[in-house]
C-alpha atoms as a PDB file:
ATOM      1  CA  MET A   1     143.502 155.328  20.571  1.00  0.00           C
ATOM      2  CA  ARG A   2     142.006 153.135  23.281  1.00  0.00           C
ATOM      3  CA  TYR A   3     140.646 154.727  26.355  1.00  0.00           C
ATOM      4  CA  LEU A   4     139.317 152.801  29.604  1.00  0.00           C
ATOM      5  CA  VAL A   5     136.979 153.401  32.273  1.00  0.00           C
ATOM      6  CA  TYR A   6     138.191 151.380  35.479  1.00  0.00           C
ATOM      7  CA  ILE A   7     136.971 150.861  38.800  1.00  0.00           C
ATOM      8  CA  LEU A   8     139.321 150.179  41.897  1.00  0.00           C
ATOM      9  CA  TYR A   9     138.482 149.012  45.309  1.00  0.00           C
ATOM     10  CA  SER A  10     140.190 149.612  48.666  1.00  0.00           C
ATOM     11  CA  GLU A  11     139.247 147.181  51.274  1.00  0.00           C
ATOM     12  CA  GLU A  12     141.144 149.462  53.817  1.00  0.00           C
ATOM     13  CA  LEU A  13     138.659 152.387  52.949  1.00  0.00           C
ATOM     14  CA  ASN A  14     135.789 150.199  51.998  1.00  0.00           C
ATOM     15  CA  ARG A  15     135.536 152.604  48.913  1.00  0.00           C
ATOM     16  CA  PHE A  16     135.495 152.268  45.198  1.00  0.00           C
ATOM     17  CA  TYR A  17     137.184 154.762  42.823  1.00  0.00           C
ATOM     18  CA  ILE A  18     136.112 155.359  39.415  1.00  0.00           C
ATOM     19  CA  GLY A  19     138.346 156.779  36.752  1.00  0.00           C
ATOM     20  CA  HIS A  20     139.527 156.935  33.107  1.00  0.00           C
ATOM     21  CA  THR A  21     142.773 156.565  31.320  1.00  0.00           C
ATOM     22  CA  ARG A  22     144.423 156.057  27.946  1.00  0.00           C
ATOM     23  CA  GLU A  23     147.606 154.629  29.155  1.00  0.00           C
ATOM     24  CA  SER A  24     148.091 150.909  30.287  1.00  0.00           C
ATOM     25  CA  ILE A  25     145.873 150.180  33.262  1.00  0.00           C
ATOM     26  CA  ASN A  26     148.637 148.508  34.866  1.00  0.00           C
ATOM     27  CA  GLU A  27     150.674 151.663  34.716  1.00  0.00           C
ATOM     28  CA  ARG A  28     147.638 153.747  35.874  1.00  0.00           C
ATOM     29  CA  LEU A  29     147.227 151.261  38.815  1.00  0.00           C
ATOM     30  CA  ARG A  30     150.895 151.708  39.676  1.00  0.00           C
ATOM     31  CA  LYS A  31     150.533 155.439  39.996  1.00  0.00           C
ATOM     32  CA  HIS A  32     147.368 155.091  42.118  1.00  0.00           C
ATOM     33  CA  LEU A  33     149.445 152.844  44.475  1.00  0.00           C
ATOM     34  CA  SER A  34     152.548 155.165  44.539  1.00  0.00           C
ATOM     35  CA  ALA A  35     153.135 158.019  46.811  1.00  0.00           C
ATOM     36  CA  HIS A  36     151.105 161.013  45.522  1.00  0.00           C
ATOM     37  CA  SER A  37     148.714 163.700  47.068  1.00  0.00           C
ATOM     38  CA  GLY A  38     145.419 162.543  45.368  1.00  0.00           C
ATOM     39  CA  TYR A  39     142.339 160.552  46.643  1.00  0.00           C
ATOM     40  CA  THR A  40     143.807 157.303  46.097  1.00  0.00           C
ATOM     41  CA  SER A  41     146.907 158.005  48.229  1.00  0.00           C
ATOM     42  CA  LYS A  42     144.654 157.323  51.434  1.00  0.00           C
ATOM     43  CA  ALA A  43     145.119 153.602  50.834  1.00  0.00           C
ATOM     44  CA  LYS A  44     147.815 151.340  49.452  1.00  0.00           C
ATOM     45  CA  ASP A  45     145.460 148.359  48.775  1.00  0.00           C
ATOM     46  CA  TRP A  46     143.603 149.382  45.728  1.00  0.00           C
ATOM     47  CA  ILE A  47     142.749 146.411  43.298  1.00  0.00           C
ATOM     48  CA  LEU A  48     141.264 146.618  39.794  1.00  0.00           C
ATOM     49  CA  LYS A  49     137.729 145.403  39.705  1.00  0.00           C
ATOM     50  CA  TYR A  50     136.311 146.482  36.354  1.00  0.00           C
ATOM     51  CA  THR A  51     137.173 147.943  33.100  1.00  0.00           C
ATOM     52  CA  GLU A  52     135.452 149.154  29.895  1.00  0.00           C
ATOM     53  CA  THR A  53     137.124 150.087  26.563  1.00  0.00           C
ATOM     54  CA  PHE A  54     136.059 153.063  24.533  1.00  0.00           C
ATOM     55  CA  ASP A  55     137.452 154.270  21.206  1.00  0.00           C
ATOM     56  CA  CYS A  56     137.738 158.058  22.205  1.00  0.00           C
ATOM     57  CA  LYS A  57     138.080 160.181  25.356  1.00  0.00           C
ATOM     58  CA  LYS A  58     134.826 161.751  25.232  1.00  0.00           C
ATOM     59  CA  LYS A  59     133.006 158.529  25.496  1.00  0.00           C
ATOM     60  CA  ALA A  60     135.157 157.153  28.228  1.00  0.00           C
ATOM     61  CA  TYR A  61     134.844 160.316  30.193  1.00  0.00           C
ATOM     62  CA  ALA A  62     130.972 160.521  29.643  1.00  0.00           C
ATOM     63  CA  ARG A  63     130.812 156.859  31.090  1.00  0.00           C
ATOM     64  CA  GLU A  64     133.089 157.706  34.057  1.00  0.00           C
ATOM     65  CA  LEU A  65     130.657 160.563  34.910  1.00  0.00           C
ATOM     66  CA  TYR A  66     127.748 158.346  34.343  1.00  0.00           C
ATOM     67  CA  ILE A  67     128.848 155.936  36.823  1.00  0.00           C
ATOM     68  CA  LYS A  68     129.713 158.458  39.460  1.00  0.00           C
ATOM     69  CA  LYS A  69     126.489 160.169  39.125  1.00  0.00           C
ATOM     70  CA  GLN A  70     124.790 157.017  40.078  1.00  0.00           C
ATOM     71  CA  LYS A  71     126.114 157.431  43.523  1.00  0.00           C
ATOM     72  CA  SER A  72     125.321 153.719  44.093  1.00  0.00           C
ATOM     73  CA  VAL A  73     127.127 150.774  45.331  1.00  0.00           C
ATOM     74  CA  LYS A  74     124.734 148.533  44.044  1.00  0.00           C
ATOM     75  CA  PHE A  75     125.003 149.828  40.615  1.00  0.00           C
ATOM     76  CA  ILE A  76     128.920 149.427  40.845  1.00  0.00           C
ATOM     77  CA  LEU A  77     128.605 145.871  41.982  1.00  0.00           C
ATOM     78  CA  ALA A  78     126.263 145.120  39.181  1.00  0.00           C
ATOM     79  CA  LEU A  79     128.764 146.297  36.623  1.00  0.00           C
ATOM     80  CA  ILE A  80     131.585 144.350  38.300  1.00  0.00           C
ATOM     81  CA  ASN A  81     129.248 141.141  38.569  1.00  0.00           C
ATOM     82  CA  SER A  82     128.217 141.679  35.054  1.00  0.00           C
ATOM     83  CA  ALA A  83     131.723 141.488  33.778  1.00  0.00           C
ATOM     84  CA  GLY A  84     132.005 138.081  35.271  1.00  0.00           C
END
């Protein structure tokens, strides 16, 4: 099974969101943009900026946590820019 780590960006909030999923990234983005009660419900302009693919959930989740623990916009922008 394929798992993705992804980074979304909201211009409205000027914030990044980092997550992981095993479902289609388009379906996951649709859920972030829909009416719900989570963090991403604060804005309706989330766009996909970055993805990484993993072969298991454990690796994807570890990567998500690693990115979050950096607490660095510079680090996130470097990831996004490296993906070209």
